Amino acid sequence: MRDQLFVITGGPGSGKTTLIEALAARGFTTTVEAGRAIIKEQVASGGNALPWTDPLAFAELMLAWDIRSYQMIREKDCPVIFDRGIPDVASYLKLMDVPVPNHIQKAATDFRYNRTVFIAPSWPEIFAQDTERKQTFEEAIATYEMLAETYKALDYELVTLPLTTVEERVEFVLQQIIALQSSPKT
């Protein structure tokens, strides 16, 4: 049922999570972004598996979270929207200049989503830093570029989200999903 699993990815501050929340309000099953949740948990517990202290430990926690999310909802017989996918973990490590362990690369290859992946481009008008998002806008751009490179290398087709209102983005994604589900399977 991986044809029903849609990833929305993108750099920090690109409106990705706001879009996913709007899709959830429309009745879609969605997942929660691992990175933000893990940062909150690690800060609250005094842990050090944080992107600014131990990138590999942080990546391992993201991988475990993302695999668990994937396994919990992969058999749903309706479209599911993922707030990032397992390839994001490999992309993050590449961005941090940390070698991607074989098991993370294998997971990115083996746990497949719909071939069409929605990617939110860097958007300076809405970008903002906060307690979990410490990246600069330049780092957000680099993240977007690495995500695009990583997903393309894994043979995904990227659909760039338009820089427009949340409601127009929702309609754009809905139309894309409808078109993908009505096209003949190859």
N, C-alpha and C. Protein backbone atom coordinates (compact mmCIF):
# COMPACT_ATOMS: atom_id res chain seq x y z
N MET A 1 0.81 -1.20 0.00
CA MET A 1 0.00 0.00 0.00
C MET A 1 0.85 1.26 0.00
N ARG A 2 2.11 1.15 -0.37
CA ARG A 2 2.97 2.34 -0.32
C ARG A 2 2.51 3.44 -1.26
N ASP A 3 1.68 3.10 -2.25
CA ASP A 3 1.14 4.14 -3.13
C ASP A 3 0.26 5.12 -2.38
N GLN A 4 -0.20 4.74 -1.20
CA GLN A 4 -1.05 5.60 -0.37
C GLN A 4 -0.23 6.44 0.61
N LEU A 5 1.09 6.25 0.65
CA LEU A 5 1.95 6.92 1.63
C LEU A 5 2.65 8.10 0.95
N PHE A 6 2.25 9.31 1.32
CA PHE A 6 2.78 10.52 0.70
C PHE A 6 3.66 11.29 1.67
N VAL A 7 4.85 11.63 1.23
CA VAL A 7 5.78 12.40 2.04
C VAL A 7 5.70 13.87 1.64
N ILE A 8 5.66 14.72 2.66
CA ILE A 8 5.87 16.15 2.45
C ILE A 8 7.15 16.48 3.21
N THR A 9 8.14 16.95 2.49
CA THR A 9 9.43 17.27 3.07
C THR A 9 9.81 18.70 2.69
N GLY A 10 10.91 19.15 3.21
CA GLY A 10 11.39 20.48 2.88
C GLY A 10 12.29 21.00 3.98
N GLY A 11 12.93 22.09 3.70
CA GLY A 11 13.80 22.70 4.69
C GLY A 11 13.01 23.28 5.84
N PRO A 12 13.70 23.63 6.91
CA PRO A 12 13.01 24.24 8.05
C PRO A 12 12.40 25.58 7.67
N GLY A 13 11.22 25.86 8.25
CA GLY A 13 10.59 27.14 8.02
C GLY A 13 10.00 27.33 6.64
N SER A 14 9.60 26.23 5.99
CA SER A 14 9.05 26.32 4.63
C SER A 14 7.54 26.13 4.60
N GLY A 15 6.91 26.01 5.76
CA GLY A 15 5.46 25.86 5.82
C GLY A 15 4.97 24.43 5.72
N LYS A 16 5.88 23.49 5.76
CA LYS A 16 5.56 22.08 5.60
C LYS A 16 4.61 21.56 6.69
N THR A 17 4.93 21.80 7.93
CA THR A 17 4.12 21.28 9.03
C THR A 17 2.76 21.98 9.08
N THR A 18 2.72 23.25 8.79
CA THR A 18 1.44 23.97 8.75
C THR A 18 0.53 23.37 7.68
N LEU A 19 1.10 23.03 6.53
CA LEU A 19 0.34 22.39 5.47
C LEU A 19 -0.19 21.04 5.93
N ILE A 20 0.65 20.26 6.58
CA ILE A 20 0.24 18.92 7.05
C ILE A 20 -0.86 19.04 8.09
N GLU A 21 -0.77 20.01 8.96
CA GLU A 21 -1.83 20.22 9.95
C GLU A 21 -3.14 20.59 9.26
N ALA A 22 -3.07 21.38 8.19
CA ALA A 22 -4.28 21.74 7.44
C ALA A 22 -4.86 20.52 6.73
N LEU A 23 -4.00 19.63 6.23
CA LEU A 23 -4.49 18.39 5.61
C LEU A 23 -5.12 17.48 6.66
N ALA A 24 -4.57 17.45 7.85
CA ALA A 24 -5.16 16.67 8.96
C ALA A 24 -6.55 17.22 9.30
N ALA A 25 -6.69 18.53 9.30
CA ALA A 25 -7.99 19.16 9.58
C ALA A 25 -9.02 18.78 8.51
N ARG A 26 -8.54 18.42 7.33
CA ARG A 26 -9.42 17.99 6.23
C ARG A 26 -9.72 16.49 6.32
N GLY A 27 -9.18 15.81 7.33
CA GLY A 27 -9.49 14.40 7.53
C GLY A 27 -8.41 13.42 7.14
N PHE A 28 -7.27 13.90 6.66
CA PHE A 28 -6.18 13.00 6.29
C PHE A 28 -5.50 12.43 7.54
N THR A 29 -5.07 11.20 7.44
CA THR A 29 -4.20 10.62 8.46
C THR A 29 -2.81 11.20 8.22
N THR A 30 -2.18 11.70 9.27
CA THR A 30 -0.87 12.33 9.15
C THR A 30 0.05 11.81 10.24
N THR A 31 1.33 12.06 10.06
CA THR A 31 2.31 11.73 11.09
C THR A 31 2.90 13.02 11.64
N VAL A 32 3.58 12.88 12.75
CA VAL A 32 4.24 14.00 13.41
C VAL A 32 5.72 13.98 13.03
N GLU A 33 6.29 15.15 12.78
CA GLU A 33 7.71 15.22 12.46
C GLU A 33 8.55 14.73 13.63
N ALA A 34 9.43 13.79 13.37
CA ALA A 34 10.27 13.20 14.41
C ALA A 34 11.21 14.21 15.03
N GLY A 35 11.87 15.00 14.20
CA GLY A 35 12.93 15.89 14.69
C GLY A 35 12.48 16.82 15.79
N ARG A 36 11.42 17.55 15.58
CA ARG A 36 10.93 18.49 16.60
C ARG A 36 10.54 17.76 17.88
N ALA A 37 9.83 16.64 17.73
CA ALA A 37 9.39 15.88 18.91
C ALA A 37 10.60 15.36 19.70
N ILE A 38 11.60 14.87 18.99
CA ILE A 38 12.78 14.34 19.67
C ILE A 38 13.54 15.46 20.37
N ILE A 39 13.67 16.61 19.74
CA ILE A 39 14.34 17.74 20.39
C ILE A 39 13.62 18.10 21.68
N LYS A 40 12.30 18.20 21.63
CA LYS A 40 11.53 18.52 22.84
C LYS A 40 11.76 17.48 23.93
N GLU A 41 11.71 16.19 23.56
CA GLU A 41 11.92 15.11 24.53
C GLU A 41 13.33 15.15 25.12
N GLN A 42 14.32 15.35 24.27
CA GLN A 42 15.71 15.36 24.74
C GLN A 42 15.97 16.56 25.66
N VAL A 43 15.45 17.71 25.31
CA VAL A 43 15.63 18.89 26.16
C VAL A 43 14.94 18.68 27.50
N ALA A 44 13.71 18.16 27.46
CA ALA A 44 12.95 17.95 28.70
C ALA A 44 13.61 16.93 29.61
N SER A 45 14.25 15.92 29.03
CA SER A 45 14.85 14.86 29.84
C SER A 45 16.33 15.07 30.12
N GLY A 46 16.89 16.15 29.58
CA GLY A 46 18.32 16.40 29.77
C GLY A 46 19.18 15.51 28.89
N GLY A 47 18.61 14.94 27.85
CA GLY A 47 19.36 14.07 26.95
C GLY A 47 20.29 14.86 26.05
N ASN A 48 21.21 14.15 25.43
CA ASN A 48 22.15 14.84 24.54
C ASN A 48 22.04 14.40 23.08
N ALA A 49 20.98 13.65 22.73
CA ALA A 49 20.77 13.24 21.34
C ALA A 49 20.08 14.40 20.61
N LEU A 50 20.82 15.49 20.49
CA LEU A 50 20.32 16.72 19.87
C LEU A 50 21.16 17.03 18.64
N PRO A 51 20.59 17.69 17.65
CA PRO A 51 21.34 17.96 16.42
C PRO A 51 22.60 18.79 16.66
N TRP A 52 22.62 19.60 17.68
CA TRP A 52 23.77 20.47 17.93
C TRP A 52 24.78 19.86 18.91
N THR A 53 24.46 18.66 19.47
CA THR A 53 25.44 18.01 20.36
C THR A 53 25.88 16.64 19.86
N ASP A 54 24.93 15.85 19.33
CA ASP A 54 25.26 14.50 18.87
C ASP A 54 24.39 14.16 17.65
N PRO A 55 24.80 14.63 16.46
CA PRO A 55 23.98 14.42 15.26
C PRO A 55 23.66 12.96 14.96
N LEU A 56 24.60 12.06 15.19
CA LEU A 56 24.34 10.65 14.87
C LEU A 56 23.30 10.06 15.83
N ALA A 57 23.41 10.35 17.12
CA ALA A 57 22.41 9.85 18.08
C ALA A 57 21.04 10.42 17.74
N PHE A 58 21.00 11.70 17.38
CA PHE A 58 19.75 12.34 16.97
C PHE A 58 19.17 11.63 15.75
N ALA A 59 20.01 11.32 14.77
CA ALA A 59 19.56 10.63 13.56
C ALA A 59 19.03 9.24 13.88
N GLU A 60 19.69 8.54 14.79
CA GLU A 60 19.23 7.19 15.17
C GLU A 60 17.84 7.26 15.79
N LEU A 61 17.60 8.25 16.64
CA LEU A 61 16.27 8.40 17.24
C LEU A 61 15.23 8.76 16.17
N MET A 62 15.59 9.63 15.23
CA MET A 62 14.67 9.96 14.14
C MET A 62 14.35 8.72 13.31
N LEU A 63 15.36 7.92 13.02
CA LEU A 63 15.14 6.71 12.22
C LEU A 63 14.16 5.78 12.94
N ALA A 64 14.39 5.55 14.22
CA ALA A 64 13.49 4.66 14.99
C ALA A 64 12.07 5.20 14.98
N TRP A 65 11.92 6.50 15.18
CA TRP A 65 10.60 7.13 15.18
C TRP A 65 9.93 6.97 13.82
N ASP A 66 10.68 7.26 12.75
CA ASP A 66 10.10 7.20 11.41
C ASP A 66 9.74 5.78 10.99
N ILE A 67 10.55 4.80 11.36
CA ILE A 67 10.22 3.41 11.03
C ILE A 67 8.97 2.98 11.80
N ARG A 68 8.88 3.36 13.06
CA ARG A 68 7.70 3.03 13.86
C ARG A 68 6.45 3.67 13.23
N SER A 69 6.53 4.92 12.83
CA SER A 69 5.39 5.59 12.18
C SER A 69 5.00 4.87 10.90
N TYR A 70 5.99 4.51 10.10
CA TYR A 70 5.76 3.83 8.84
C TYR A 70 5.05 2.50 9.08
N GLN A 71 5.55 1.72 10.02
CA GLN A 71 4.99 0.40 10.27
C GLN A 71 3.58 0.47 10.87
N MET A 72 3.32 1.50 11.65
CA MET A 72 2.01 1.63 12.28
C MET A 72 0.90 1.93 11.28
N ILE A 73 1.22 2.64 10.20
CA ILE A 73 0.14 3.06 9.31
C ILE A 73 0.31 2.64 7.86
N ARG A 74 1.27 1.81 7.58
CA ARG A 74 1.53 1.46 6.18
C ARG A 74 0.39 0.68 5.53
N GLU A 75 -0.42 0.00 6.30
CA GLU A 75 -1.49 -0.82 5.72
C GLU A 75 -2.82 -0.10 5.64
N LYS A 76 -2.85 1.17 6.00
CA LYS A 76 -4.11 1.92 5.88
C LYS A 76 -4.53 1.97 4.42
N ASP A 77 -5.82 1.87 4.21
CA ASP A 77 -6.35 1.87 2.85
C ASP A 77 -6.88 3.25 2.48
N CYS A 78 -6.08 4.26 2.80
CA CYS A 78 -6.41 5.64 2.47
C CYS A 78 -5.10 6.41 2.41
N PRO A 79 -5.09 7.57 1.78
CA PRO A 79 -3.84 8.34 1.73
C PRO A 79 -3.38 8.75 3.14
N VAL A 80 -2.09 8.62 3.37
CA VAL A 80 -1.46 9.02 4.63
C VAL A 80 -0.38 10.05 4.28
N ILE A 81 -0.35 11.12 5.04
CA ILE A 81 0.62 12.19 4.81
C ILE A 81 1.70 12.11 5.88
N PHE A 82 2.94 11.92 5.44
CA PHE A 82 4.08 11.85 6.36
C PHE A 82 4.77 13.21 6.43
N ASP A 83 4.99 13.68 7.65
CA ASP A 83 5.77 14.90 7.88
C ASP A 83 7.23 14.46 7.89
N ARG A 84 7.81 14.43 6.73
CA ARG A 84 9.15 13.92 6.43
C ARG A 84 9.10 12.40 6.30
N GLY A 85 10.11 11.87 5.62
CA GLY A 85 10.22 10.44 5.44
C GLY A 85 11.58 9.95 5.89
N ILE A 86 11.78 8.66 5.85
CA ILE A 86 13.04 8.06 6.28
C ILE A 86 14.23 8.61 5.49
N PRO A 87 14.09 8.90 4.18
CA PRO A 87 15.24 9.50 3.48
C PRO A 87 15.72 10.82 4.09
N ASP A 88 14.83 11.52 4.80
CA ASP A 88 15.24 12.77 5.47
C ASP A 88 16.36 12.52 6.47
N VAL A 89 16.37 11.35 7.10
CA VAL A 89 17.40 11.04 8.10
C VAL A 89 18.76 10.96 7.41
N ALA A 90 18.83 10.26 6.29
CA ALA A 90 20.09 10.17 5.54
C ALA A 90 20.51 11.55 5.05
N SER A 91 19.55 12.32 4.58
CA SER A 91 19.83 13.67 4.09
C SER A 91 20.40 14.54 5.21
N TYR A 92 19.82 14.44 6.39
CA TYR A 92 20.29 15.22 7.54
C TYR A 92 21.75 14.90 7.84
N LEU A 93 22.09 13.61 7.86
CA LEU A 93 23.48 13.24 8.16
C LEU A 93 24.43 13.76 7.09
N LYS A 94 24.05 13.66 5.82
CA LYS A 94 24.89 14.19 4.75
C LYS A 94 25.10 15.69 4.94
N LEU A 95 24.05 16.38 5.28
CA LEU A 95 24.12 17.82 5.50
C LEU A 95 25.07 18.16 6.65
N MET A 96 25.07 17.31 7.68
CA MET A 96 25.93 17.52 8.84
C MET A 96 27.35 17.01 8.60
N ASP A 97 27.59 16.47 7.40
CA ASP A 97 28.89 15.91 7.03
C ASP A 97 29.27 14.73 7.92
N VAL A 98 28.25 13.94 8.26
CA VAL A 98 28.43 12.71 9.05
C VAL A 98 28.17 11.54 8.10
N PRO A 99 29.07 10.57 8.04
CA PRO A 99 28.84 9.42 7.16
C PRO A 99 27.51 8.73 7.49
N VAL A 100 26.77 8.39 6.46
CA VAL A 100 25.48 7.72 6.64
C VAL A 100 25.75 6.23 6.88
N PRO A 101 25.39 5.73 8.08
CA PRO A 101 25.59 4.30 8.35
C PRO A 101 24.80 3.44 7.36
N ASN A 102 25.31 2.26 7.08
CA ASN A 102 24.67 1.37 6.12
C ASN A 102 23.21 1.09 6.46
N HIS A 103 22.91 0.89 7.77
CA HIS A 103 21.53 0.54 8.13
C HIS A 103 20.57 1.71 7.87
N ILE A 104 21.04 2.94 7.97
CA ILE A 104 20.18 4.09 7.67
C ILE A 104 19.96 4.19 6.16
N GLN A 105 21.00 3.99 5.38
CA GLN A 105 20.85 3.99 3.93
C GLN A 105 19.94 2.85 3.49
N LYS A 106 20.08 1.68 4.11
CA LYS A 106 19.22 0.54 3.78
C LYS A 106 17.76 0.85 4.10
N ALA A 107 17.51 1.47 5.24
CA ALA A 107 16.14 1.83 5.61
C ALA A 107 15.56 2.82 4.61
N ALA A 108 16.35 3.80 4.19
CA ALA A 108 15.88 4.79 3.22
C ALA A 108 15.55 4.12 1.88
N THR A 109 16.26 3.06 1.56
CA THR A 109 16.04 2.33 0.32
C THR A 109 14.86 1.36 0.44
N ASP A 110 14.75 0.69 1.59
CA ASP A 110 13.76 -0.38 1.76
C ASP A 110 12.37 0.10 2.13
N PHE A 111 12.26 1.13 2.94
CA PHE A 111 10.95 1.63 3.37
C PHE A 111 10.51 2.69 2.36
N ARG A 112 9.69 2.26 1.42
CA ARG A 112 9.32 3.12 0.30
C ARG A 112 7.96 3.79 0.52
N TYR A 113 7.84 4.95 -0.07
CA TYR A 113 6.61 5.73 -0.05
C TYR A 113 6.14 5.87 -1.50
N ASN A 114 5.03 6.56 -1.70
CA ASN A 114 4.62 6.88 -3.05
C ASN A 114 5.79 7.54 -3.76
N ARG A 115 5.95 7.23 -5.02
CA ARG A 115 7.11 7.76 -5.76
C ARG A 115 7.09 9.28 -5.87
N THR A 116 5.91 9.88 -5.78
CA THR A 116 5.79 11.33 -5.81
C THR A 116 5.96 11.87 -4.39
N VAL A 117 6.92 12.74 -4.22
CA VAL A 117 7.20 13.36 -2.92
C VAL A 117 7.01 14.86 -3.08
N PHE A 118 6.27 15.44 -2.16
CA PHE A 118 6.06 16.89 -2.16
C PHE A 118 7.19 17.54 -1.38
N ILE A 119 7.79 18.58 -1.96
CA ILE A 119 8.90 19.25 -1.31
C ILE A 119 8.60 20.75 -1.22
N ALA A 120 8.74 21.26 0.00
CA ALA A 120 8.48 22.68 0.26
C ALA A 120 9.79 23.45 0.11
N PRO A 121 9.83 24.40 -0.82
CA PRO A 121 11.06 25.17 -1.00
C PRO A 121 11.28 26.18 0.13
N SER A 122 12.50 26.60 0.28
CA SER A 122 12.83 27.63 1.26
C SER A 122 12.02 28.88 0.93
N TRP A 123 11.50 29.53 1.96
CA TRP A 123 10.58 30.63 1.77
C TRP A 123 10.90 31.73 2.78
N PRO A 124 11.69 32.72 2.38
CA PRO A 124 12.17 33.72 3.34
C PRO A 124 11.06 34.48 4.06
N GLU A 125 9.91 34.69 3.41
CA GLU A 125 8.82 35.46 4.01
C GLU A 125 8.20 34.77 5.22
N ILE A 126 8.30 33.45 5.32
CA ILE A 126 7.70 32.76 6.46
C ILE A 126 8.73 32.11 7.38
N PHE A 127 9.99 32.11 6.97
CA PHE A 127 11.04 31.47 7.78
C PHE A 127 11.19 32.19 9.12
N ALA A 128 11.28 31.42 10.19
CA ALA A 128 11.53 31.97 11.53
C ALA A 128 12.25 30.92 12.37
N GLN A 129 13.14 31.38 13.21
CA GLN A 129 13.82 30.48 14.15
C GLN A 129 12.99 30.40 15.43
N ASP A 130 13.15 29.29 16.16
CA ASP A 130 12.50 29.13 17.45
C ASP A 130 13.34 28.18 18.31
N THR A 131 12.78 27.68 19.40
CA THR A 131 13.58 26.87 20.33
C THR A 131 14.04 25.55 19.72
N GLU A 132 13.28 24.99 18.78
CA GLU A 132 13.71 23.76 18.11
C GLU A 132 14.38 24.02 16.77
N ARG A 133 14.08 25.14 16.15
CA ARG A 133 14.64 25.46 14.84
C ARG A 133 15.71 26.54 15.02
N LYS A 134 16.95 26.09 15.09
CA LYS A 134 18.05 27.01 15.31
C LYS A 134 18.80 27.35 14.02
N GLN A 135 18.41 26.70 12.91
CA GLN A 135 19.11 26.91 11.65
C GLN A 135 18.89 28.34 11.13
N THR A 136 19.88 28.81 10.39
CA THR A 136 19.74 30.08 9.68
C THR A 136 18.99 29.83 8.38
N PHE A 137 18.59 30.90 7.70
CA PHE A 137 17.92 30.74 6.43
C PHE A 137 18.84 30.09 5.40
N GLU A 138 20.13 30.42 5.45
CA GLU A 138 21.10 29.81 4.53
C GLU A 138 21.17 28.30 4.78
N GLU A 139 21.11 27.89 6.04
CA GLU A 139 21.10 26.45 6.36
C GLU A 139 19.80 25.81 5.89
N ALA A 140 18.69 26.55 5.94
CA ALA A 140 17.42 26.03 5.44
C ALA A 140 17.50 25.75 3.94
N ILE A 141 18.15 26.65 3.20
CA ILE A 141 18.33 26.46 1.76
C ILE A 141 19.20 25.22 1.50
N ALA A 142 20.29 25.08 2.25
CA ALA A 142 21.17 23.92 2.10
C ALA A 142 20.41 22.62 2.42
N THR A 143 19.54 22.67 3.43
CA THR A 143 18.74 21.50 3.79
C THR A 143 17.82 21.12 2.64
N TYR A 144 17.13 22.09 2.08
CA TYR A 144 16.24 21.86 0.95
C TYR A 144 17.01 21.20 -0.20
N GLU A 145 18.16 21.75 -0.54
CA GLU A 145 18.96 21.22 -1.65
C GLU A 145 19.41 19.79 -1.38
N MET A 146 19.83 19.49 -0.14
CA MET A 146 20.27 18.13 0.19
C MET A 146 19.09 17.16 0.17
N LEU A 147 17.93 17.60 0.64
CA LEU A 147 16.74 16.75 0.58
C LEU A 147 16.40 16.41 -0.87
N ALA A 148 16.41 17.41 -1.73
CA ALA A 148 16.11 17.17 -3.15
C ALA A 148 17.09 16.16 -3.74
N GLU A 149 18.36 16.35 -3.46
CA GLU A 149 19.39 15.44 -3.98
C GLU A 149 19.18 14.02 -3.46
N THR A 150 18.89 13.89 -2.17
CA THR A 150 18.72 12.56 -1.56
C THR A 150 17.51 11.84 -2.12
N TYR A 151 16.37 12.52 -2.19
CA TYR A 151 15.17 11.86 -2.71
C TYR A 151 15.32 11.49 -4.18
N LYS A 152 15.92 12.37 -4.97
CA LYS A 152 16.14 12.06 -6.39
C LYS A 152 17.04 10.84 -6.54
N ALA A 153 18.08 10.74 -5.72
CA ALA A 153 19.00 9.60 -5.78
C ALA A 153 18.29 8.29 -5.43
N LEU A 154 17.21 8.38 -4.67
CA LEU A 154 16.42 7.20 -4.30
C LEU A 154 15.26 6.97 -5.27
N ASP A 155 15.28 7.66 -6.41
CA ASP A 155 14.32 7.49 -7.49
C ASP A 155 12.90 7.95 -7.15
N TYR A 156 12.81 9.02 -6.37
CA TYR A 156 11.52 9.66 -6.12
C TYR A 156 11.38 10.82 -7.10
N GLU A 157 10.14 11.14 -7.44
CA GLU A 157 9.85 12.30 -8.27
C GLU A 157 9.38 13.42 -7.35
N LEU A 158 10.04 14.55 -7.42
CA LEU A 158 9.72 15.66 -6.54
C LEU A 158 8.71 16.60 -7.18
N VAL A 159 7.72 16.99 -6.41
CA VAL A 159 6.74 18.00 -6.81
C VAL A 159 6.93 19.16 -5.85
N THR A 160 7.34 20.30 -6.39
CA THR A 160 7.60 21.47 -5.56
C THR A 160 6.28 22.15 -5.20
N LEU A 161 6.12 22.39 -3.89
CA LEU A 161 4.92 23.08 -3.42
C LEU A 161 4.99 24.56 -3.81
N PRO A 162 3.87 25.12 -4.22
CA PRO A 162 3.88 26.54 -4.58
C PRO A 162 4.00 27.42 -3.33
N LEU A 163 4.59 28.60 -3.53
CA LEU A 163 4.71 29.57 -2.45
C LEU A 163 3.43 30.40 -2.45
N THR A 164 2.45 29.90 -1.72
CA THR A 164 1.13 30.51 -1.72
C THR A 164 0.46 30.25 -0.37
N THR A 165 -0.81 30.58 -0.25
CA THR A 165 -1.51 30.42 1.02
C THR A 165 -1.60 28.94 1.40
N VAL A 166 -1.85 28.71 2.67
CA VAL A 166 -2.00 27.33 3.16
C VAL A 166 -3.15 26.66 2.43
N GLU A 167 -4.28 27.35 2.30
CA GLU A 167 -5.44 26.75 1.65
C GLU A 167 -5.14 26.40 0.19
N GLU A 168 -4.42 27.25 -0.51
CA GLU A 168 -4.06 26.95 -1.91
C GLU A 168 -3.07 25.79 -1.97
N ARG A 169 -2.19 25.69 -1.00
CA ARG A 169 -1.28 24.54 -0.95
C ARG A 169 -2.06 23.25 -0.70
N VAL A 170 -3.04 23.31 0.21
CA VAL A 170 -3.88 22.14 0.47
C VAL A 170 -4.56 21.69 -0.82
N GLU A 171 -5.17 22.62 -1.53
CA GLU A 171 -5.84 22.28 -2.78
C GLU A 171 -4.87 21.70 -3.80
N PHE A 172 -3.66 22.26 -3.87
CA PHE A 172 -2.64 21.76 -4.79
C PHE A 172 -2.31 20.30 -4.47
N VAL A 173 -2.07 20.00 -3.19
CA VAL A 173 -1.73 18.63 -2.78
C VAL A 173 -2.91 17.70 -3.06
N LEU A 174 -4.12 18.13 -2.72
CA LEU A 174 -5.30 17.30 -2.95
C LEU A 174 -5.44 16.96 -4.43
N GLN A 175 -5.27 17.94 -5.31
CA GLN A 175 -5.39 17.70 -6.75
C GLN A 175 -4.31 16.73 -7.23
N GLN A 176 -3.10 16.88 -6.71
CA GLN A 176 -2.01 15.97 -7.09
C GLN A 176 -2.32 14.53 -6.65
N ILE A 177 -2.79 14.38 -5.43
CA ILE A 177 -3.10 13.03 -4.91
C ILE A 177 -4.24 12.42 -5.72
N ILE A 178 -5.27 13.19 -6.00
CA ILE A 178 -6.40 12.68 -6.80
C ILE A 178 -5.89 12.23 -8.17
N ALA A 179 -5.06 13.04 -8.80
CA ALA A 179 -4.52 12.68 -10.12
C ALA A 179 -3.66 11.41 -10.04
N LEU A 180 -2.87 11.29 -8.99
CA LEU A 180 -2.00 10.12 -8.85
C LEU A 180 -2.84 8.85 -8.62
N GLN A 181 -3.89 8.98 -7.85
CA GLN A 181 -4.71 7.80 -7.55
C GLN A 181 -5.60 7.38 -8.72
N SER A 182 -5.88 8.32 -9.62
CA SER A 182 -6.72 7.97 -10.76
C SER A 182 -5.91 7.52 -11.97
N SER A 183 -4.58 7.72 -11.92
CA SER A 183 -3.77 7.28 -13.05
C SER A 183 -3.51 5.79 -12.96
N PRO A 184 -3.38 5.14 -14.12
CA PRO A 184 -3.14 3.69 -14.12
C PRO A 184 -1.80 3.36 -13.45
N LYS A 185 -1.81 2.27 -12.70
CA LYS A 185 -0.59 1.82 -12.02
C LYS A 185 0.34 1.17 -13.04
N THR A 186 1.63 1.46 -12.92
CA THR A 186 2.59 0.85 -13.86
C THR A 186 3.37 -0.22 -13.17
